[in-house]
N, C-alpha and C. Protein backbone atom coordinates (compact mmCIF):
# COMPACT_ATOMS: atom_id res chain seq x y z
N UNK A 1 16.35 -9.69 -83.64
CA UNK A 1 15.57 -10.16 -82.51
C UNK A 1 14.30 -10.83 -83.02
N UNK A 2 13.96 -11.97 -82.45
CA UNK A 2 12.78 -12.70 -82.87
C UNK A 2 11.53 -12.21 -82.15
N UNK A 3 10.45 -12.93 -82.36
CA UNK A 3 9.18 -12.56 -81.74
C UNK A 3 9.14 -12.92 -80.26
N UNK A 4 9.99 -13.85 -79.82
CA UNK A 4 10.03 -14.23 -78.42
C UNK A 4 11.42 -14.72 -78.07
N UNK A 5 11.70 -14.79 -76.76
CA UNK A 5 13.00 -15.25 -76.30
C UNK A 5 12.81 -16.11 -75.05
N UNK A 6 13.88 -16.73 -74.60
CA UNK A 6 13.86 -17.53 -73.37
C UNK A 6 14.59 -16.77 -72.28
N UNK A 7 14.17 -16.96 -71.03
CA UNK A 7 14.83 -16.32 -69.89
C UNK A 7 14.91 -17.31 -68.73
N UNK A 8 16.00 -17.22 -68.01
CA UNK A 8 16.22 -18.08 -66.85
C UNK A 8 15.32 -17.64 -65.69
N UNK A 9 14.96 -18.58 -64.79
CA UNK A 9 14.09 -18.23 -63.66
C UNK A 9 14.58 -17.04 -62.85
N UNK A 10 15.87 -16.95 -62.56
CA UNK A 10 16.38 -15.83 -61.75
C UNK A 10 16.18 -14.49 -62.46
N UNK A 11 16.34 -14.47 -63.77
CA UNK A 11 16.13 -13.25 -64.55
C UNK A 11 14.66 -12.83 -64.48
N UNK A 12 13.76 -13.80 -64.64
CA UNK A 12 12.32 -13.52 -64.57
C UNK A 12 11.94 -13.08 -63.16
N UNK A 13 12.47 -13.73 -62.13
CA UNK A 13 12.17 -13.37 -60.74
C UNK A 13 12.59 -11.93 -60.46
N UNK A 14 13.75 -11.55 -60.94
CA UNK A 14 14.21 -10.17 -60.76
C UNK A 14 13.24 -9.20 -61.42
N UNK A 15 12.81 -9.53 -62.62
CA UNK A 15 11.89 -8.67 -63.36
C UNK A 15 10.55 -8.55 -62.62
N UNK A 16 10.08 -9.67 -62.09
CA UNK A 16 8.81 -9.67 -61.37
C UNK A 16 8.91 -8.81 -60.11
N UNK A 17 9.98 -8.99 -59.35
CA UNK A 17 10.13 -8.25 -58.09
C UNK A 17 10.36 -6.76 -58.33
N UNK A 18 10.90 -6.40 -59.47
CA UNK A 18 11.20 -5.00 -59.76
C UNK A 18 10.06 -4.25 -60.44
N UNK A 19 9.05 -4.97 -60.91
CA UNK A 19 8.02 -4.32 -61.71
C UNK A 19 6.63 -4.44 -61.13
N UNK A 20 5.69 -3.93 -61.90
CA UNK A 20 4.28 -3.94 -61.51
C UNK A 20 3.52 -4.95 -62.34
N UNK A 21 2.78 -5.83 -61.67
CA UNK A 21 2.01 -6.87 -62.35
C UNK A 21 1.00 -6.23 -63.30
N UNK A 22 0.88 -6.82 -64.46
CA UNK A 22 -0.03 -6.41 -65.52
C UNK A 22 0.20 -4.99 -66.03
N UNK A 23 1.38 -4.45 -65.74
CA UNK A 23 1.83 -3.20 -66.34
C UNK A 23 3.23 -3.42 -66.93
N UNK A 24 4.17 -3.74 -66.05
CA UNK A 24 5.53 -4.02 -66.51
C UNK A 24 5.66 -5.47 -66.99
N UNK A 25 4.92 -6.36 -66.35
CA UNK A 25 5.01 -7.78 -66.70
C UNK A 25 3.69 -8.49 -66.41
N UNK A 26 3.51 -9.60 -67.09
CA UNK A 26 2.39 -10.51 -66.83
C UNK A 26 2.91 -11.92 -67.08
N UNK A 27 2.41 -12.86 -66.32
CA UNK A 27 2.78 -14.26 -66.49
C UNK A 27 1.56 -15.01 -67.00
N UNK A 28 1.76 -15.81 -68.05
CA UNK A 28 0.70 -16.65 -68.60
C UNK A 28 1.12 -18.10 -68.38
N UNK A 29 0.36 -18.80 -67.56
CA UNK A 29 0.61 -20.20 -67.22
C UNK A 29 -0.34 -21.04 -68.07
N UNK A 30 0.20 -21.85 -68.96
CA UNK A 30 -0.63 -22.63 -69.87
C UNK A 30 -0.73 -24.10 -69.47
N UNK A 31 -0.40 -24.40 -68.20
CA UNK A 31 -0.56 -25.78 -67.75
C UNK A 31 -2.05 -26.13 -67.71
N UNK A 32 -2.33 -27.37 -67.90
CA UNK A 32 -3.70 -27.86 -67.87
C UNK A 32 -4.00 -28.37 -66.46
N UNK A 33 -4.31 -29.65 -66.31
CA UNK A 33 -4.60 -30.20 -64.98
C UNK A 33 -3.38 -30.16 -64.07
N UNK A 34 -2.19 -30.00 -64.64
CA UNK A 34 -0.97 -29.93 -63.84
C UNK A 34 -0.76 -28.54 -63.23
N UNK A 35 -1.75 -27.67 -63.32
CA UNK A 35 -1.69 -26.35 -62.69
C UNK A 35 -1.72 -26.46 -61.16
N UNK A 36 -2.36 -27.53 -60.67
CA UNK A 36 -2.44 -27.70 -59.22
C UNK A 36 -1.04 -27.93 -58.66
N UNK A 37 -0.87 -27.57 -57.42
CA UNK A 37 0.43 -27.78 -56.78
C UNK A 37 1.29 -26.55 -56.71
N UNK A 38 0.79 -25.43 -57.19
CA UNK A 38 1.53 -24.19 -57.10
C UNK A 38 1.48 -23.38 -58.37
N UNK A 39 1.70 -22.07 -58.22
CA UNK A 39 1.70 -21.17 -59.37
C UNK A 39 2.42 -19.87 -59.01
N UNK A 40 2.73 -19.09 -60.01
CA UNK A 40 3.33 -17.78 -59.82
C UNK A 40 2.20 -16.81 -59.47
N UNK A 41 2.32 -16.08 -58.35
CA UNK A 41 1.24 -15.17 -57.93
C UNK A 41 0.87 -14.18 -59.03
N UNK A 42 -0.43 -14.03 -59.23
CA UNK A 42 -0.94 -13.08 -60.21
C UNK A 42 -0.93 -13.57 -61.64
N UNK A 43 -0.56 -14.83 -61.85
CA UNK A 43 -0.50 -15.34 -63.23
C UNK A 43 -1.89 -15.41 -63.86
N UNK A 44 -1.89 -15.40 -65.18
CA UNK A 44 -3.10 -15.63 -65.95
C UNK A 44 -3.08 -17.11 -66.30
N UNK A 45 -4.02 -17.88 -65.78
CA UNK A 45 -4.06 -19.30 -66.09
C UNK A 45 -4.94 -19.50 -67.31
N UNK A 46 -4.30 -19.82 -68.43
CA UNK A 46 -5.01 -20.07 -69.68
C UNK A 46 -4.55 -21.44 -70.15
N UNK A 47 -5.29 -22.51 -69.79
CA UNK A 47 -4.87 -23.87 -70.13
C UNK A 47 -4.59 -24.03 -71.63
N UNK A 48 -3.59 -24.82 -71.93
CA UNK A 48 -3.19 -25.01 -73.33
C UNK A 48 -4.33 -25.56 -74.18
N UNK A 49 -5.22 -26.36 -73.58
CA UNK A 49 -6.31 -26.95 -74.35
C UNK A 49 -7.30 -25.90 -74.85
N UNK A 50 -7.32 -24.73 -74.21
CA UNK A 50 -8.24 -23.67 -74.65
C UNK A 50 -7.49 -22.41 -75.11
N UNK A 51 -6.15 -22.48 -75.19
CA UNK A 51 -5.37 -21.29 -75.50
C UNK A 51 -5.70 -20.73 -76.89
N UNK A 52 -5.85 -21.58 -77.86
CA UNK A 52 -6.11 -21.14 -79.22
C UNK A 52 -7.34 -20.23 -79.29
N UNK A 53 -8.42 -20.62 -78.63
CA UNK A 53 -9.65 -19.84 -78.68
C UNK A 53 -9.61 -18.61 -77.78
N UNK A 54 -8.75 -18.59 -76.77
CA UNK A 54 -8.68 -17.47 -75.83
C UNK A 54 -7.54 -16.50 -76.14
N UNK A 55 -6.75 -16.80 -77.14
CA UNK A 55 -5.56 -16.01 -77.45
C UNK A 55 -5.90 -14.56 -77.80
N UNK A 56 -6.89 -14.34 -78.64
CA UNK A 56 -7.24 -12.98 -79.06
C UNK A 56 -7.65 -12.12 -77.87
N UNK A 57 -8.44 -12.68 -76.97
CA UNK A 57 -8.85 -11.94 -75.77
C UNK A 57 -7.65 -11.64 -74.89
N UNK A 58 -6.71 -12.58 -74.79
CA UNK A 58 -5.51 -12.37 -73.99
C UNK A 58 -4.65 -11.25 -74.58
N UNK A 59 -4.54 -11.22 -75.90
CA UNK A 59 -3.79 -10.14 -76.57
C UNK A 59 -4.40 -8.79 -76.21
N UNK A 60 -5.72 -8.70 -76.26
CA UNK A 60 -6.39 -7.44 -75.90
C UNK A 60 -6.17 -7.10 -74.43
N UNK A 61 -6.28 -8.10 -73.57
CA UNK A 61 -6.14 -7.89 -72.13
C UNK A 61 -4.73 -7.42 -71.77
N UNK A 62 -3.71 -7.94 -72.46
CA UNK A 62 -2.32 -7.65 -72.12
C UNK A 62 -1.67 -6.63 -73.05
N UNK A 63 -2.44 -5.92 -73.83
CA UNK A 63 -1.90 -5.04 -74.87
C UNK A 63 -0.95 -3.96 -74.33
N UNK A 64 -1.12 -3.53 -73.10
CA UNK A 64 -0.28 -2.46 -72.55
C UNK A 64 0.85 -2.96 -71.65
N UNK A 65 0.97 -4.26 -71.52
CA UNK A 65 2.00 -4.85 -70.67
C UNK A 65 3.33 -4.87 -71.43
N UNK A 66 4.41 -4.51 -70.76
CA UNK A 66 5.72 -4.44 -71.41
C UNK A 66 6.33 -5.81 -71.70
N UNK A 67 6.11 -6.78 -70.80
CA UNK A 67 6.72 -8.10 -70.96
C UNK A 67 5.71 -9.17 -70.57
N UNK A 68 5.46 -10.13 -71.46
CA UNK A 68 4.56 -11.23 -71.18
C UNK A 68 5.40 -12.51 -71.13
N UNK A 69 5.32 -13.20 -69.99
CA UNK A 69 6.15 -14.38 -69.71
C UNK A 69 5.26 -15.62 -69.77
N UNK A 70 5.61 -16.56 -70.62
CA UNK A 70 4.85 -17.80 -70.78
C UNK A 70 5.59 -18.97 -70.14
N UNK A 71 4.81 -19.90 -69.61
CA UNK A 71 5.41 -21.15 -69.14
C UNK A 71 4.36 -22.25 -69.03
N UNK A 72 4.84 -23.47 -68.99
CA UNK A 72 4.05 -24.64 -68.66
C UNK A 72 4.85 -25.38 -67.59
N UNK A 73 4.73 -26.68 -67.49
CA UNK A 73 5.46 -27.42 -66.46
C UNK A 73 6.96 -27.38 -66.69
N UNK A 74 7.40 -27.63 -67.93
CA UNK A 74 8.82 -27.66 -68.26
C UNK A 74 9.24 -26.63 -69.30
N UNK A 75 8.27 -25.95 -69.88
CA UNK A 75 8.50 -24.98 -70.97
C UNK A 75 9.25 -25.61 -72.14
N UNK A 76 8.83 -26.81 -72.47
CA UNK A 76 9.41 -27.49 -73.63
C UNK A 76 8.45 -27.56 -74.80
N UNK A 77 7.14 -27.60 -74.51
CA UNK A 77 6.20 -27.69 -75.61
C UNK A 77 5.03 -26.71 -75.48
N UNK A 78 4.21 -26.85 -74.47
CA UNK A 78 3.01 -26.01 -74.36
C UNK A 78 3.34 -24.53 -74.20
N UNK A 79 4.29 -24.20 -73.32
CA UNK A 79 4.66 -22.80 -73.12
C UNK A 79 5.20 -22.15 -74.38
N UNK A 80 6.23 -22.77 -75.01
CA UNK A 80 6.74 -22.18 -76.25
C UNK A 80 5.70 -22.11 -77.37
N UNK A 81 4.86 -23.12 -77.48
CA UNK A 81 3.81 -23.11 -78.51
C UNK A 81 2.85 -21.95 -78.29
N UNK A 82 2.43 -21.75 -77.04
CA UNK A 82 1.52 -20.65 -76.72
C UNK A 82 2.19 -19.29 -76.96
N UNK A 83 3.45 -19.16 -76.55
CA UNK A 83 4.17 -17.90 -76.76
C UNK A 83 4.28 -17.57 -78.25
N UNK A 84 4.59 -18.57 -79.04
CA UNK A 84 4.73 -18.36 -80.49
C UNK A 84 3.37 -17.96 -81.10
N UNK A 85 2.32 -18.65 -80.73
CA UNK A 85 0.99 -18.33 -81.23
C UNK A 85 0.59 -16.91 -80.82
N UNK A 86 0.81 -16.58 -79.56
CA UNK A 86 0.49 -15.24 -79.05
C UNK A 86 1.27 -14.17 -79.84
N UNK A 87 2.57 -14.37 -79.98
CA UNK A 87 3.40 -13.37 -80.67
C UNK A 87 2.98 -13.18 -82.12
N UNK A 88 2.69 -14.27 -82.81
CA UNK A 88 2.29 -14.16 -84.21
C UNK A 88 0.90 -13.53 -84.36
N UNK A 89 -0.02 -13.93 -83.52
CA UNK A 89 -1.36 -13.34 -83.61
C UNK A 89 -1.35 -11.87 -83.20
N UNK A 90 -0.52 -11.53 -82.23
CA UNK A 90 -0.40 -10.12 -81.83
C UNK A 90 0.15 -9.30 -83.00
N UNK A 91 1.15 -9.82 -83.65
CA UNK A 91 1.73 -9.15 -84.81
C UNK A 91 0.69 -9.00 -85.92
N UNK A 92 -0.04 -10.07 -86.20
CA UNK A 92 -1.08 -10.02 -87.24
C UNK A 92 -2.13 -8.95 -86.91
N UNK A 93 -2.51 -8.88 -85.65
CA UNK A 93 -3.52 -7.91 -85.23
C UNK A 93 -3.00 -6.48 -85.38
N UNK A 94 -1.75 -6.25 -84.97
CA UNK A 94 -1.18 -4.90 -85.07
C UNK A 94 -1.07 -4.43 -86.51
N UNK A 95 -0.81 -5.36 -87.41
CA UNK A 95 -0.55 -4.96 -88.80
C UNK A 95 -1.62 -5.43 -89.77
N UNK A 96 -2.79 -5.73 -89.27
CA UNK A 96 -3.89 -6.13 -90.16
C UNK A 96 -4.14 -5.02 -91.17
N UNK A 97 -4.15 -5.38 -92.43
CA UNK A 97 -4.44 -4.42 -93.48
C UNK A 97 -3.28 -3.55 -93.89
N UNK A 98 -2.08 -3.83 -93.37
CA UNK A 98 -0.91 -3.04 -93.78
C UNK A 98 0.06 -3.94 -94.52
N UNK A 99 1.07 -3.33 -95.09
CA UNK A 99 2.08 -4.09 -95.81
C UNK A 99 3.22 -4.55 -94.90
N UNK A 100 3.26 -4.06 -93.67
CA UNK A 100 4.33 -4.47 -92.76
C UNK A 100 4.15 -5.93 -92.39
N UNK A 101 5.26 -6.64 -92.30
CA UNK A 101 5.17 -8.06 -91.97
C UNK A 101 5.81 -8.40 -90.64
N UNK A 102 6.55 -7.51 -90.05
CA UNK A 102 7.21 -7.78 -88.76
C UNK A 102 7.09 -6.57 -87.86
N UNK A 103 7.02 -6.84 -86.57
CA UNK A 103 6.98 -5.76 -85.59
C UNK A 103 8.29 -5.01 -85.56
N UNK A 104 8.26 -3.71 -85.39
CA UNK A 104 9.50 -2.98 -85.17
C UNK A 104 9.98 -3.23 -83.75
N UNK A 105 11.25 -3.10 -83.54
CA UNK A 105 11.80 -3.28 -82.20
C UNK A 105 12.56 -2.03 -81.82
N UNK A 106 12.92 -1.92 -80.56
CA UNK A 106 13.73 -0.81 -80.09
C UNK A 106 12.96 0.49 -80.03
N UNK A 107 13.63 1.58 -80.36
CA UNK A 107 13.05 2.92 -80.21
C UNK A 107 11.80 3.11 -81.06
N UNK A 108 11.82 2.58 -82.28
CA UNK A 108 10.65 2.74 -83.15
C UNK A 108 9.42 2.07 -82.54
N UNK A 109 9.60 0.88 -82.01
CA UNK A 109 8.48 0.17 -81.39
C UNK A 109 7.98 0.91 -80.16
N UNK A 110 8.88 1.41 -79.34
CA UNK A 110 8.49 2.15 -78.14
C UNK A 110 7.70 3.40 -78.52
N UNK A 111 8.18 4.12 -79.50
CA UNK A 111 7.53 5.35 -79.94
C UNK A 111 6.12 5.06 -80.43
N UNK A 112 5.96 3.98 -81.13
CA UNK A 112 4.66 3.65 -81.69
C UNK A 112 3.78 2.89 -80.72
N UNK A 113 4.28 2.58 -79.52
CA UNK A 113 3.48 1.87 -78.53
C UNK A 113 3.28 0.41 -78.84
N UNK A 114 4.16 -0.17 -79.64
CA UNK A 114 3.98 -1.55 -80.08
C UNK A 114 4.96 -2.50 -79.42
N UNK A 115 5.88 -2.01 -78.63
CA UNK A 115 6.89 -2.86 -78.03
C UNK A 115 6.28 -3.71 -76.93
N UNK A 116 6.45 -4.98 -77.06
CA UNK A 116 6.07 -5.92 -76.00
C UNK A 116 7.00 -7.11 -76.15
N UNK A 117 7.67 -7.40 -75.07
CA UNK A 117 8.59 -8.53 -75.06
C UNK A 117 7.80 -9.79 -74.69
N UNK A 118 7.99 -10.84 -75.45
CA UNK A 118 7.37 -12.13 -75.17
C UNK A 118 8.49 -13.08 -74.78
N UNK A 119 8.38 -13.62 -73.56
CA UNK A 119 9.45 -14.43 -72.97
C UNK A 119 8.90 -15.78 -72.55
N UNK A 120 9.73 -16.81 -72.72
CA UNK A 120 9.41 -18.15 -72.25
C UNK A 120 10.31 -18.45 -71.06
N UNK A 121 9.72 -18.86 -69.96
CA UNK A 121 10.46 -19.19 -68.74
C UNK A 121 11.19 -20.52 -68.92
N UNK A 122 12.52 -20.48 -68.94
CA UNK A 122 13.32 -21.70 -69.09
C UNK A 122 13.05 -22.66 -67.93
N UNK A 123 12.83 -23.91 -68.26
CA UNK A 123 12.60 -24.93 -67.24
C UNK A 123 11.19 -24.98 -66.70
N UNK A 124 10.36 -24.03 -67.10
CA UNK A 124 8.96 -24.02 -66.70
C UNK A 124 8.75 -23.89 -65.20
N UNK A 125 7.55 -24.27 -64.77
CA UNK A 125 7.22 -24.14 -63.36
C UNK A 125 8.04 -25.09 -62.50
N UNK A 126 8.46 -26.21 -63.05
CA UNK A 126 9.29 -27.15 -62.27
C UNK A 126 10.57 -26.46 -61.81
N UNK A 127 11.30 -25.83 -62.72
CA UNK A 127 12.53 -25.12 -62.36
C UNK A 127 12.22 -23.94 -61.45
N UNK A 128 11.11 -23.24 -61.72
CA UNK A 128 10.71 -22.09 -60.91
C UNK A 128 10.46 -22.52 -59.47
N UNK A 129 9.68 -23.59 -59.29
CA UNK A 129 9.34 -24.05 -57.94
C UNK A 129 10.58 -24.55 -57.20
N UNK A 130 11.47 -25.22 -57.91
CA UNK A 130 12.71 -25.69 -57.27
C UNK A 130 13.53 -24.51 -56.76
N UNK A 131 13.56 -23.44 -57.52
CA UNK A 131 14.37 -22.28 -57.14
C UNK A 131 13.70 -21.41 -56.08
N UNK A 132 12.37 -21.30 -56.11
CA UNK A 132 11.70 -20.28 -55.29
C UNK A 132 10.58 -20.81 -54.40
N UNK A 133 10.49 -22.09 -54.16
CA UNK A 133 9.36 -22.65 -53.40
C UNK A 133 9.23 -22.05 -51.99
N UNK A 134 10.28 -21.51 -51.43
CA UNK A 134 10.21 -20.90 -50.10
C UNK A 134 9.84 -19.43 -50.11
N UNK A 135 9.68 -18.84 -51.26
CA UNK A 135 9.40 -17.41 -51.39
C UNK A 135 7.95 -17.22 -51.84
N UNK A 136 7.07 -16.85 -50.92
CA UNK A 136 5.65 -16.73 -51.25
C UNK A 136 5.35 -15.56 -52.18
N UNK A 137 6.29 -14.67 -52.38
CA UNK A 137 6.07 -13.61 -53.37
C UNK A 137 6.28 -14.13 -54.78
N UNK A 138 6.89 -15.32 -54.90
CA UNK A 138 7.15 -15.90 -56.22
C UNK A 138 6.43 -17.22 -56.46
N UNK A 139 6.00 -17.90 -55.40
CA UNK A 139 5.28 -19.18 -55.54
C UNK A 139 4.15 -19.21 -54.53
N UNK A 140 2.93 -19.44 -55.03
CA UNK A 140 1.78 -19.60 -54.15
C UNK A 140 1.22 -21.00 -54.30
N UNK A 141 0.70 -21.52 -53.19
CA UNK A 141 0.02 -22.82 -53.23
C UNK A 141 0.92 -24.00 -53.52
N UNK A 142 2.20 -23.88 -53.20
CA UNK A 142 3.14 -24.96 -53.52
C UNK A 142 2.85 -26.21 -52.70
N UNK A 143 2.73 -27.34 -53.38
CA UNK A 143 2.53 -28.63 -52.74
C UNK A 143 3.63 -29.56 -53.22
N UNK A 144 4.63 -29.80 -52.38
CA UNK A 144 5.77 -30.63 -52.80
C UNK A 144 5.38 -32.05 -53.20
N UNK A 145 4.28 -32.54 -52.68
CA UNK A 145 3.82 -33.90 -53.02
C UNK A 145 3.45 -34.01 -54.50
N UNK A 146 3.08 -32.89 -55.10
CA UNK A 146 2.70 -32.89 -56.52
C UNK A 146 3.87 -32.61 -57.45
N UNK A 147 5.00 -32.23 -56.87
CA UNK A 147 6.18 -31.93 -57.68
C UNK A 147 7.31 -32.85 -57.28
């Protein structure tokens, strides 16, 4: 298993509806000016232009969350780049000063409190809005004129 994976909108929607925000899951939206026109309720908006400098604080803020879901407009560049940076910096922080080079997964990670799934939303907000624009529990502030 790698440091992050991709998930389809329906899989992410199920996870969101079944869990508790900022405990079981958190969404990080890295869109810049294209954030207008709608978003996933409760998301952390960390624009890609400032993600590098805000990443460490985000790692601290989300340290106890089980699953962190990243996306941008299409999840082709900004979302995956942010997810990769987050996952690597989180790993570096957890193992600073040790000889370990990779996070443990599965039971060992759970036991040690280090398990956190990093997921990239396939298709980004565009696919999300197309699938869920009528569901206000999954999309807030949707403006079809902007999409």
